[in-house]
N, C-alpha and C. Protein backbone atom coordinates (compact mmCIF):
# COMPACT_ATOMS: atom_id res chain seq x y z
N MET A 1 -31.08 -22.93 1.76
CA MET A 1 -32.67 -21.95 1.83
C MET A 1 -33.56 -22.26 0.32
N THR A 2 -32.97 -22.90 -0.94
CA THR A 2 -34.25 -23.93 -1.58
C THR A 2 -33.05 -25.08 -1.49
N GLU A 3 -34.59 -26.28 -1.52
CA GLU A 3 -34.14 -27.78 -1.29
C GLU A 3 -34.31 -28.32 -2.57
N THR A 4 -34.46 -27.30 -3.63
CA THR A 4 -34.30 -28.28 -5.33
C THR A 4 -33.66 -26.65 -5.90
N TYR A 5 -33.53 -26.97 -7.30
CA TYR A 5 -33.20 -25.44 -7.63
C TYR A 5 -34.00 -25.48 -9.00
N LYS A 6 -35.35 -25.66 -8.87
CA LYS A 6 -36.77 -25.35 -9.26
C LYS A 6 -37.15 -24.53 -8.72
N ASP A 7 -37.32 -24.41 -7.63
CA ASP A 7 -37.95 -23.36 -6.41
C ASP A 7 -37.75 -21.86 -6.27
N TRP A 8 -36.56 -22.24 -7.32
CA TRP A 8 -36.27 -20.32 -6.90
C TRP A 8 -37.10 -19.19 -6.93
N HIS A 9 -37.80 -19.62 -8.07
CA HIS A 9 -38.93 -18.20 -7.87
C HIS A 9 -40.10 -18.06 -7.32
N GLU A 10 -39.74 -19.31 -6.01
CA GLU A 10 -40.50 -18.97 -4.74
C GLU A 10 -39.58 -17.55 -3.62
N HIS A 11 -38.55 -18.06 -3.31
CA HIS A 11 -37.87 -17.23 -2.71
C HIS A 11 -37.25 -15.97 -4.15
N LEU A 12 -37.48 -15.44 -5.06
CA LEU A 12 -36.63 -14.38 -5.39
C LEU A 12 -37.40 -13.18 -5.20
N PRO A 13 -39.05 -12.77 -4.78
CA PRO A 13 -39.54 -12.17 -3.92
C PRO A 13 -38.63 -11.42 -2.53
N TYR A 14 -38.13 -12.28 -2.09
CA TYR A 14 -37.18 -12.33 -0.28
C TYR A 14 -36.24 -11.63 -0.67
N ALA A 15 -35.10 -12.77 -1.95
CA ALA A 15 -34.14 -11.45 -2.01
C ALA A 15 -34.27 -10.31 -2.83
N LEU A 16 -35.12 -9.97 -4.01
CA LEU A 16 -35.45 -8.71 -4.43
C LEU A 16 -35.59 -7.23 -3.06
N CYS A 17 -36.63 -8.12 -1.93
CA CYS A 17 -36.78 -7.11 -1.30
C CYS A 17 -35.35 -6.73 -0.64
N ALA A 18 -34.59 -8.01 -0.08
CA ALA A 18 -33.39 -7.48 0.73
C ALA A 18 -32.77 -6.37 -0.24
N TYR A 19 -32.60 -6.99 -1.68
CA TYR A 19 -31.58 -5.68 -2.58
C TYR A 19 -31.90 -4.97 -2.39
N ARG A 20 -33.67 -4.31 -2.56
CA ARG A 20 -33.58 -2.87 -3.01
C ARG A 20 -33.72 -1.86 -1.28
N THR A 21 -33.94 -3.45 -0.56
CA THR A 21 -34.06 -2.16 0.58
C THR A 21 -32.55 -1.87 1.47
N SER A 22 -31.99 -2.24 0.76
CA SER A 22 -30.21 -2.15 1.58
C SER A 22 -29.41 -1.45 1.36
N VAL A 23 -28.56 -0.28 2.00
CA VAL A 23 -27.80 0.62 1.56
C VAL A 23 -26.75 0.50 0.93
N ARG A 24 -27.09 1.37 -0.03
CA ARG A 24 -25.65 1.07 -0.92
C ARG A 24 -24.61 2.20 -0.48
N THR A 25 -22.73 0.96 -0.04
CA THR A 25 -22.04 2.33 -0.52
C THR A 25 -22.15 3.44 -1.06
N SER A 26 -22.07 2.75 -2.42
CA SER A 26 -21.41 3.83 -3.57
C SER A 26 -22.82 5.28 -2.90
N VAL A 27 -24.53 5.31 -2.96
CA VAL A 27 -24.78 6.28 -2.82
C VAL A 27 -25.46 6.86 -1.70
N GLY A 28 -25.10 6.13 -0.65
CA GLY A 28 -25.39 6.43 1.11
C GLY A 28 -26.90 6.05 1.50
N ALA A 29 -27.50 5.39 -0.01
CA ALA A 29 -29.43 5.29 -0.10
C ALA A 29 -29.69 3.67 -0.26
N THR A 30 -30.51 3.69 -0.21
CA THR A 30 -31.11 2.48 -0.53
C THR A 30 -31.90 2.64 -2.05
N PRO A 31 -31.65 1.72 -2.92
CA PRO A 31 -32.33 2.00 -4.58
C PRO A 31 -34.27 2.64 -3.90
N TYR A 32 -34.66 1.92 -3.11
CA TYR A 32 -36.51 1.78 -2.85
C TYR A 32 -36.41 3.37 -2.21
N SER A 33 -35.75 4.05 -1.45
CA SER A 33 -35.56 5.32 -1.18
C SER A 33 -35.34 6.18 -2.39
N LEU A 34 -34.57 6.07 -3.89
CA LEU A 34 -34.66 7.29 -3.99
C LEU A 34 -35.66 7.05 -5.63
N VAL A 35 -36.42 5.66 -5.21
CA VAL A 35 -37.53 6.18 -6.41
C VAL A 35 -38.80 6.29 -5.85
N TYR A 36 -38.76 6.01 -4.45
CA TYR A 36 -40.07 6.07 -4.04
C TYR A 36 -40.56 7.07 -2.88
N GLY A 37 -38.51 7.97 -2.41
CA GLY A 37 -38.74 8.69 -1.44
C GLY A 37 -39.14 8.81 -0.26
N MET A 38 -39.03 7.19 -0.01
CA MET A 38 -39.27 7.30 1.21
C MET A 38 -39.14 5.82 1.85
N GLU A 39 -38.60 5.32 3.18
CA GLU A 39 -38.17 4.45 3.29
C GLU A 39 -39.03 2.81 3.08
N ALA A 40 -38.72 2.25 2.57
CA ALA A 40 -39.76 0.87 3.03
C ALA A 40 -40.17 0.24 3.98
N VAL A 41 -41.44 0.10 4.27
CA VAL A 41 -41.57 -0.45 5.49
C VAL A 41 -41.94 -2.50 5.48
N LEU A 42 -41.35 -2.73 6.33
CA LEU A 42 -40.33 -4.22 5.92
C LEU A 42 -42.03 -4.92 6.68
N PRO A 43 -41.93 -6.38 6.25
CA PRO A 43 -42.60 -7.17 7.44
C PRO A 43 -43.22 -7.02 8.25
N VAL A 44 -41.49 -7.29 9.13
CA VAL A 44 -41.42 -7.62 10.12
C VAL A 44 -41.96 -6.33 10.87
N GLU A 45 -42.09 -5.00 10.46
CA GLU A 45 -42.56 -3.34 10.73
C GLU A 45 -44.11 -3.66 11.06
N VAL A 46 -44.53 -4.52 10.32
CA VAL A 46 -46.62 -4.50 10.20
C VAL A 46 -46.15 -5.50 11.83
N GLU A 47 -45.79 -6.41 11.71
CA GLU A 47 -46.42 -6.85 12.83
C GLU A 47 -45.87 -6.99 13.91
N ILE A 48 -44.59 -6.49 13.85
CA ILE A 48 -43.96 -5.80 15.39
C ILE A 48 -43.96 -4.49 14.82
N PRO A 49 -45.25 -3.64 15.41
CA PRO A 49 -44.68 -2.27 15.26
C PRO A 49 -43.81 -1.33 15.54
N SER A 50 -43.25 -0.45 14.56
CA SER A 50 -42.33 0.02 15.00
C SER A 50 -42.44 1.56 15.29
N LEU A 51 -41.92 2.61 15.68
CA LEU A 51 -42.40 3.87 16.12
C LEU A 51 -42.63 5.36 15.01
N ARG A 52 -41.78 4.01 14.01
CA ARG A 52 -42.27 4.80 12.48
C ARG A 52 -44.03 4.48 11.82
N ILE A 53 -44.13 3.19 12.23
CA ILE A 53 -44.99 2.50 12.15
C ILE A 53 -46.71 3.55 12.11
N LEU A 54 -45.88 2.89 14.33
CA LEU A 54 -47.20 3.51 15.09
C LEU A 54 -47.18 5.44 14.99
N SER A 55 -45.93 6.50 14.27
CA SER A 55 -46.57 7.75 13.67
C SER A 55 -47.40 7.75 12.98
N GLN A 56 -47.37 7.07 11.90
CA GLN A 56 -47.69 7.02 10.82
C GLN A 56 -49.62 6.96 10.90
N THR A 57 -49.40 5.36 11.46
CA THR A 57 -51.04 5.07 11.66
C THR A 57 -51.86 6.21 12.24
N GLN A 58 -51.34 7.02 13.67
CA GLN A 58 -51.93 7.48 14.09
C GLN A 58 -52.28 8.93 13.32
N LEU A 59 -51.86 9.25 12.18
CA LEU A 59 -52.16 10.27 11.43
C LEU A 59 -53.26 9.98 11.13
N GLU A 60 -54.46 11.43 10.97
CA GLU A 60 -55.83 11.36 9.58
C GLU A 60 -54.57 11.23 8.35
N GLU A 61 -55.63 10.57 7.11
CA GLU A 61 -55.52 11.02 5.79
C GLU A 61 -54.93 12.29 5.65
N ALA A 62 -55.42 12.93 5.42
CA ALA A 62 -55.13 14.34 5.47
C ALA A 62 -53.88 14.62 5.60
N GLU A 63 -53.66 14.22 7.06
CA GLU A 63 -52.60 15.20 7.20
C GLU A 63 -51.41 14.28 6.79
N TRP A 64 -51.36 12.75 6.71
CA TRP A 64 -50.51 11.66 5.96
C TRP A 64 -50.43 11.90 4.89
N ALA A 65 -51.11 12.24 3.69
CA ALA A 65 -50.80 12.97 2.44
C ALA A 65 -49.85 13.82 2.01
N GLN A 66 -50.42 15.28 3.16
CA GLN A 66 -49.76 16.16 3.65
C GLN A 66 -47.91 15.66 3.69
N ALA A 67 -48.01 14.77 4.63
CA ALA A 67 -46.53 14.73 4.84
C ALA A 67 -45.77 13.72 3.98
N ARG A 68 -46.45 13.04 2.88
CA ARG A 68 -46.65 12.05 1.63
C ARG A 68 -45.59 13.25 0.78
N TYR A 69 -46.50 14.61 0.36
CA TYR A 69 -46.28 15.60 -0.35
C TYR A 69 -45.01 15.98 0.12
N GLU A 70 -45.01 16.25 1.05
CA GLU A 70 -43.48 16.85 1.48
C GLU A 70 -42.64 15.58 1.28
N GLN A 71 -42.68 14.73 1.59
CA GLN A 71 -41.40 13.22 1.08
C GLN A 71 -40.71 13.23 -0.41
N LEU A 72 -42.32 13.18 -1.19
CA LEU A 72 -41.94 13.71 -2.69
C LEU A 72 -41.37 14.79 -2.90
N ASN A 73 -41.28 16.08 -1.78
CA ASN A 73 -40.86 17.09 -2.37
C ASN A 73 -39.40 17.43 -2.41
N PHE A 74 -38.93 16.31 -0.94
CA PHE A 74 -37.17 16.35 -1.12
C PHE A 74 -36.43 15.44 -2.23
N ILE A 75 -37.21 14.45 -2.82
CA ILE A 75 -37.10 13.62 -3.19
C ILE A 75 -35.16 13.85 -4.50
N ASP A 76 -35.79 14.81 -4.88
CA ASP A 76 -34.98 15.38 -5.84
C ASP A 76 -33.47 15.79 -5.06
N GLU A 77 -33.89 16.65 -4.00
CA GLU A 77 -32.55 16.28 -2.83
C GLU A 77 -32.19 15.22 -2.24
N LYS A 78 -33.14 14.35 -2.15
CA LYS A 78 -32.41 13.05 -1.72
C LYS A 78 -31.41 12.70 -3.07
N ARG A 79 -32.05 12.66 -4.82
CA ARG A 79 -30.68 12.30 -5.29
C ARG A 79 -29.70 12.56 -5.35
N LEU A 80 -30.19 13.88 -5.59
CA LEU A 80 -29.00 15.23 -5.39
C LEU A 80 -27.77 14.64 -4.82
N ALA A 81 -28.06 14.58 -3.22
CA ALA A 81 -27.24 14.09 -2.22
C ALA A 81 -26.77 12.62 -2.87
N ALA A 82 -27.37 11.20 -2.72
CA ALA A 82 -26.99 10.56 -3.53
C ALA A 82 -25.88 10.51 -4.67
N LEU A 83 -26.17 11.19 -5.48
CA LEU A 83 -25.01 11.80 -6.83
C LEU A 83 -23.82 12.52 -6.39
N CYS A 84 -24.04 13.60 -5.24
CA CYS A 84 -23.07 13.69 -4.78
C CYS A 84 -21.70 12.74 -3.90
N HIS A 85 -22.58 12.05 -3.01
CA HIS A 85 -22.13 10.87 -2.05
C HIS A 85 -21.67 10.24 -3.58
N GLY A 86 -21.95 9.59 -4.55
CA GLY A 86 -20.93 8.64 -5.77
C GLY A 86 -20.65 9.13 -5.70
N GLN A 87 -20.05 10.21 -6.03
CA GLN A 87 -18.82 11.37 -6.66
C GLN A 87 -17.87 11.43 -5.84
N LEU A 88 -18.24 11.33 -4.42
CA LEU A 88 -17.05 11.64 -3.53
C LEU A 88 -16.81 9.70 -3.76
N TYR A 89 -17.12 8.69 -3.17
CA TYR A 89 -17.68 7.23 -3.23
C TYR A 89 -16.27 7.18 -4.70
N GLN A 90 -16.16 7.80 -5.06
CA GLN A 90 -15.62 6.86 -6.68
C GLN A 90 -14.11 8.16 -6.44
N ARG A 91 -13.88 8.94 -5.93
CA ARG A 91 -12.74 10.00 -6.12
C ARG A 91 -12.24 9.43 -4.63
N ARG A 92 -13.04 8.73 -4.13
CA ARG A 92 -12.02 8.09 -2.70
C ARG A 92 -11.64 6.65 -2.85
N ILE A 93 -12.04 5.58 -3.93
CA ILE A 93 -12.40 4.46 -4.35
C ILE A 93 -10.40 4.83 -5.29
N GLU A 94 -10.90 5.81 -6.20
CA GLU A 94 -9.70 6.33 -7.66
C GLU A 94 -8.62 6.33 -6.55
N ARG A 95 -8.52 7.09 -4.91
CA ARG A 95 -7.26 7.80 -4.48
C ARG A 95 -6.71 5.98 -3.67
N ALA A 96 -7.49 5.68 -3.33
CA ALA A 96 -6.94 4.08 -2.99
C ALA A 96 -6.18 3.04 -4.16
N TYR A 97 -6.63 2.83 -5.29
CA TYR A 97 -6.15 2.25 -6.26
C TYR A 97 -5.07 3.21 -6.63
N ASN A 98 -5.09 4.31 -6.53
CA ASN A 98 -3.81 5.07 -7.28
C ASN A 98 -2.78 4.58 -6.37
N LYS A 99 -2.76 4.68 -5.14
CA LYS A 99 -1.70 4.57 -3.99
C LYS A 99 -1.18 3.35 -4.21
N LYS A 100 -2.41 2.44 -4.60
CA LYS A 100 -1.36 1.45 -5.11
C LYS A 100 -0.78 0.86 -6.40
N ALA A 101 -1.55 1.46 -7.25
CA ALA A 101 -0.77 0.98 -9.06
C ALA A 101 -0.09 1.45 -8.89
N ARG A 102 0.34 1.10 -9.47
CA ARG A 102 2.58 1.74 -10.21
C ARG A 102 2.26 1.30 -11.77
N PRO A 103 2.23 3.24 -12.49
CA PRO A 103 2.60 3.24 -13.84
C PRO A 103 3.69 1.70 -14.79
N ARG A 104 3.07 0.83 -15.56
CA ARG A 104 3.89 0.22 -16.48
C ARG A 104 4.50 0.97 -17.45
N THR A 105 6.00 1.67 -17.51
CA THR A 105 6.77 2.13 -18.93
C THR A 105 7.26 0.99 -19.39
N PHE A 106 7.31 0.65 -20.50
CA PHE A 106 8.44 0.17 -21.15
C PHE A 106 9.13 0.48 -22.27
N GLN A 107 9.81 0.66 -22.80
CA GLN A 107 10.94 0.83 -23.66
C GLN A 107 11.51 0.37 -24.78
N PRO A 108 11.40 0.90 -25.96
CA PRO A 108 11.83 -0.49 -27.34
C PRO A 108 13.09 -1.20 -27.06
N GLY A 109 12.92 -2.58 -26.55
CA GLY A 109 14.22 -3.50 -26.57
C GLY A 109 14.31 -4.27 -24.81
N ASP A 110 13.63 -3.44 -24.69
CA ASP A 110 12.99 -4.08 -23.00
C ASP A 110 12.71 -5.92 -23.43
N LEU A 111 13.18 -6.62 -22.32
CA LEU A 111 12.96 -7.62 -22.09
C LEU A 111 10.94 -7.79 -21.49
N VAL A 112 10.50 -8.59 -21.53
CA VAL A 112 9.58 -8.89 -21.08
C VAL A 112 8.49 -10.50 -21.31
N LEU A 113 8.09 -10.79 -20.59
CA LEU A 113 7.48 -12.33 -20.44
C LEU A 113 6.10 -11.90 -20.59
N LYS A 114 5.31 -12.65 -21.33
CA LYS A 114 3.59 -12.64 -22.11
C LYS A 114 2.60 -13.42 -21.16
N LYS A 115 1.87 -12.85 -20.46
CA LYS A 115 0.86 -13.95 -19.75
C LYS A 115 0.54 -15.12 -20.55
N ARG A 116 0.34 -16.15 -20.16
CA ARG A 116 -0.08 -17.27 -21.02
C ARG A 116 -1.75 -17.08 -20.94
N ASN A 117 -2.49 -17.63 -22.24
CA ASN A 117 -3.75 -18.02 -22.22
C ASN A 117 -3.85 -19.08 -22.14
N MET A 118 -5.00 -18.69 -20.65
CA MET A 118 -4.96 -20.08 -19.68
C MET A 118 -6.10 -21.15 -20.21
N ALA A 119 -7.28 -20.70 -21.64
CA ALA A 119 -7.82 -21.20 -22.13
C ALA A 119 -7.36 -22.89 -23.08
N LEU A 120 -5.76 -22.06 -23.22
CA LEU A 120 -5.58 -22.97 -23.76
C LEU A 120 -5.21 -24.58 -22.95
N SER A 121 -5.56 -25.31 -23.49
CA SER A 121 -5.11 -26.99 -22.56
C SER A 121 -4.35 -27.13 -22.43
N ASP A 122 -3.45 -27.91 -21.08
CA ASP A 122 -2.18 -28.02 -21.07
C ASP A 122 -2.41 -29.09 -20.09
N PRO A 123 -1.69 -30.27 -20.31
CA PRO A 123 -1.90 -31.41 -19.42
C PRO A 123 -1.37 -30.77 -18.26
N ARG A 124 -0.46 -29.91 -18.08
CA ARG A 124 0.36 -30.21 -16.86
C ARG A 124 -0.48 -29.08 -15.20
N GLY A 125 -2.02 -28.75 -16.41
CA GLY A 125 -3.25 -27.80 -15.31
C GLY A 125 -2.74 -26.88 -14.60
N LYS A 126 -2.73 -26.64 -13.23
CA LYS A 126 -2.15 -25.57 -12.89
C LYS A 126 -0.78 -24.96 -12.51
N PHE A 127 0.21 -26.75 -12.94
CA PHE A 127 1.36 -26.84 -12.42
C PHE A 127 2.23 -25.93 -13.86
N ALA A 128 0.62 -25.56 -14.84
CA ALA A 128 2.21 -25.07 -16.33
C ALA A 128 2.10 -23.29 -15.54
N PRO A 129 3.19 -23.06 -16.20
CA PRO A 129 3.67 -21.93 -16.19
C PRO A 129 3.18 -20.85 -16.75
N SER A 130 2.92 -19.39 -15.61
CA SER A 130 1.70 -18.83 -15.82
C SER A 130 2.14 -17.95 -17.32
N TYR A 131 3.32 -17.87 -17.21
CA TYR A 131 4.27 -16.40 -18.21
C TYR A 131 5.11 -17.67 -19.22
N GLU A 132 5.53 -16.76 -20.84
CA GLU A 132 5.69 -17.53 -22.16
C GLU A 132 7.15 -16.56 -22.16
N GLY A 133 7.82 -16.59 -23.15
CA GLY A 133 9.12 -15.86 -23.65
C GLY A 133 10.05 -16.32 -23.09
N PRO A 134 11.21 -14.88 -23.09
CA PRO A 134 11.06 -13.93 -23.04
C PRO A 134 10.67 -13.55 -24.75
N TYR A 135 10.45 -11.76 -24.75
CA TYR A 135 9.68 -11.41 -25.81
C TYR A 135 10.49 -10.01 -26.18
N VAL A 136 10.52 -9.61 -27.18
CA VAL A 136 11.61 -7.79 -26.60
C VAL A 136 10.19 -6.86 -27.53
N VAL A 137 10.21 -5.54 -26.68
CA VAL A 137 9.37 -5.00 -27.33
C VAL A 137 10.08 -4.02 -28.07
N LYS A 138 9.43 -4.00 -28.93
CA LYS A 138 9.27 -2.75 -30.27
C LYS A 138 8.88 -2.25 -30.38
N LYS A 139 7.87 -1.96 -29.98
CA LYS A 139 7.24 0.32 -29.85
C LYS A 139 6.44 0.24 -28.82
N ALA A 140 6.29 1.21 -28.04
CA ALA A 140 5.17 1.22 -27.37
C ALA A 140 4.56 2.53 -27.57
N PHE A 141 2.95 2.21 -27.06
CA PHE A 141 2.29 3.91 -27.41
C PHE A 141 2.07 4.27 -26.15
N SER A 142 1.38 5.19 -26.00
CA SER A 142 0.96 6.08 -24.87
C SER A 142 -0.28 5.44 -23.98
N GLY A 143 -0.83 4.91 -24.33
CA GLY A 143 -2.49 4.17 -23.76
C GLY A 143 -1.63 3.19 -22.88
N GLY A 144 -1.02 2.39 -23.45
CA GLY A 144 -0.14 1.20 -22.38
C GLY A 144 -0.20 0.17 -23.23
N ALA A 145 -0.51 0.31 -24.87
CA ALA A 145 -0.64 -1.02 -25.59
C ALA A 145 1.20 -1.20 -25.64
N ILE A 146 1.56 -1.92 -26.62
CA ILE A 146 2.71 -2.60 -26.62
C ILE A 146 3.19 -3.29 -28.26
N ILE A 147 4.09 -3.39 -28.72
CA ILE A 147 3.82 -4.71 -29.36
C ILE A 147 5.38 -5.20 -29.62
N LEU A 148 5.01 -6.96 -29.79
CA LEU A 148 6.08 -7.57 -29.33
C LEU A 148 6.77 -8.58 -30.08
N ALA A 149 8.18 -8.55 -29.84
CA ALA A 149 8.77 -9.34 -31.48
C ALA A 149 8.97 -11.00 -30.75
N ASP A 150 8.78 -11.80 -31.48
CA ASP A 150 10.15 -12.35 -30.34
C ASP A 150 11.72 -12.51 -30.48
N MET A 151 11.96 -13.23 -30.05
CA MET A 151 13.60 -13.18 -29.79
C MET A 151 14.38 -13.35 -31.30
N ASP A 152 13.53 -13.64 -32.40
CA ASP A 152 13.97 -14.18 -33.30
C ASP A 152 13.93 -12.06 -34.61
N GLY A 153 13.26 -11.66 -33.88
CA GLY A 153 12.77 -10.18 -34.71
C GLY A 153 11.49 -10.50 -35.24
N GLU A 154 10.58 -11.26 -35.33
CA GLU A 154 9.63 -11.87 -36.20
C GLU A 154 8.27 -10.98 -35.21
N GLU A 155 8.16 -10.18 -35.71
CA GLU A 155 6.51 -9.11 -34.95
C GLU A 155 5.12 -10.05 -34.66
N PHE A 156 4.99 -9.66 -33.97
CA PHE A 156 3.39 -9.95 -33.13
C PHE A 156 2.10 -9.65 -34.26
N ARG A 157 1.16 -9.91 -34.61
CA ARG A 157 0.29 -9.44 -35.63
C ARG A 157 -0.66 -7.95 -34.74
N SER A 158 -0.83 -8.19 -33.90
CA SER A 158 -1.74 -7.33 -32.58
C SER A 158 -1.24 -6.38 -32.19
N PRO A 159 -1.14 -5.31 -31.06
CA PRO A 159 -0.79 -5.08 -29.75
C PRO A 159 -1.46 -5.54 -28.73
N ILE A 160 -0.66 -5.82 -27.81
CA ILE A 160 -0.51 -5.72 -26.68
C ILE A 160 -0.93 -5.59 -25.41
N ASN A 161 -1.67 -5.26 -24.20
CA ASN A 161 -1.44 -4.41 -23.00
C ASN A 161 -0.81 -4.50 -22.62
N SER A 162 -0.28 -3.51 -21.70
CA SER A 162 1.26 -3.91 -20.98
C SER A 162 0.80 -4.43 -19.36
N ASP A 163 -0.58 -4.38 -19.23
CA ASP A 163 -1.33 -5.55 -18.07
C ASP A 163 -0.59 -6.48 -17.98
N SER A 164 -0.78 -7.19 -19.25
CA SER A 164 -0.67 -8.45 -19.82
C SER A 164 0.89 -9.19 -19.61
N VAL A 165 2.08 -8.10 -19.41
CA VAL A 165 3.29 -8.00 -19.54
C VAL A 165 3.74 -8.00 -18.38
N ILE A 166 5.30 -9.23 -17.90
CA ILE A 166 6.00 -7.93 -16.92
C ILE A 166 7.70 -8.00 -17.91
N LYS A 167 8.36 -7.22 -16.67
CA LYS A 167 9.50 -6.89 -17.26
C LYS A 167 10.20 -8.26 -17.27
N TYR A 168 11.29 -8.78 -17.84
CA TYR A 168 12.09 -10.09 -17.54
C TYR A 168 13.19 -9.52 -17.27
N HIS A 169 13.42 -10.24 -16.15
CA HIS A 169 15.24 -9.82 -15.75
C HIS A 169 16.12 -10.98 -15.73
N VAL A 170 16.86 -10.70 -16.73
CA VAL A 170 18.34 -11.55 -17.01
C VAL A 170 19.09 -11.65 -15.53
């Protein structure tokens, strides 16, 4: 698409047009139609006339203005329908997530392994272990945070999210 990284600004309008005129799954409409109340006229439709363009060109100015006014009156309904569609989409995604996700519960005294911070440089690279430990759960909170201690009983200063630990099976 681009020969050098310096001419990206020449292709930006095409990328924005594609972004604004593609239907979003979450709302079931294009951003352009939610803002302007009608679908965008693509450059291809001007060169190769479509039925929609031909029907608009045959209208007189007063008829076109009346049709446009009616479209603008329905814009609130379109936005409300997009909002409802978005809420249904969120519920569908939530159900799919909840079907797969299992709650992690830890009790004080459980042995766990803590995910390592990969930002720390390790000469072994990707062959370095992903988890470190074992650690003992000292306290578990309802929000998913846990306080860990090493095997000597020394507690960590700050709580850790339960998503970053796995149970250690001896």
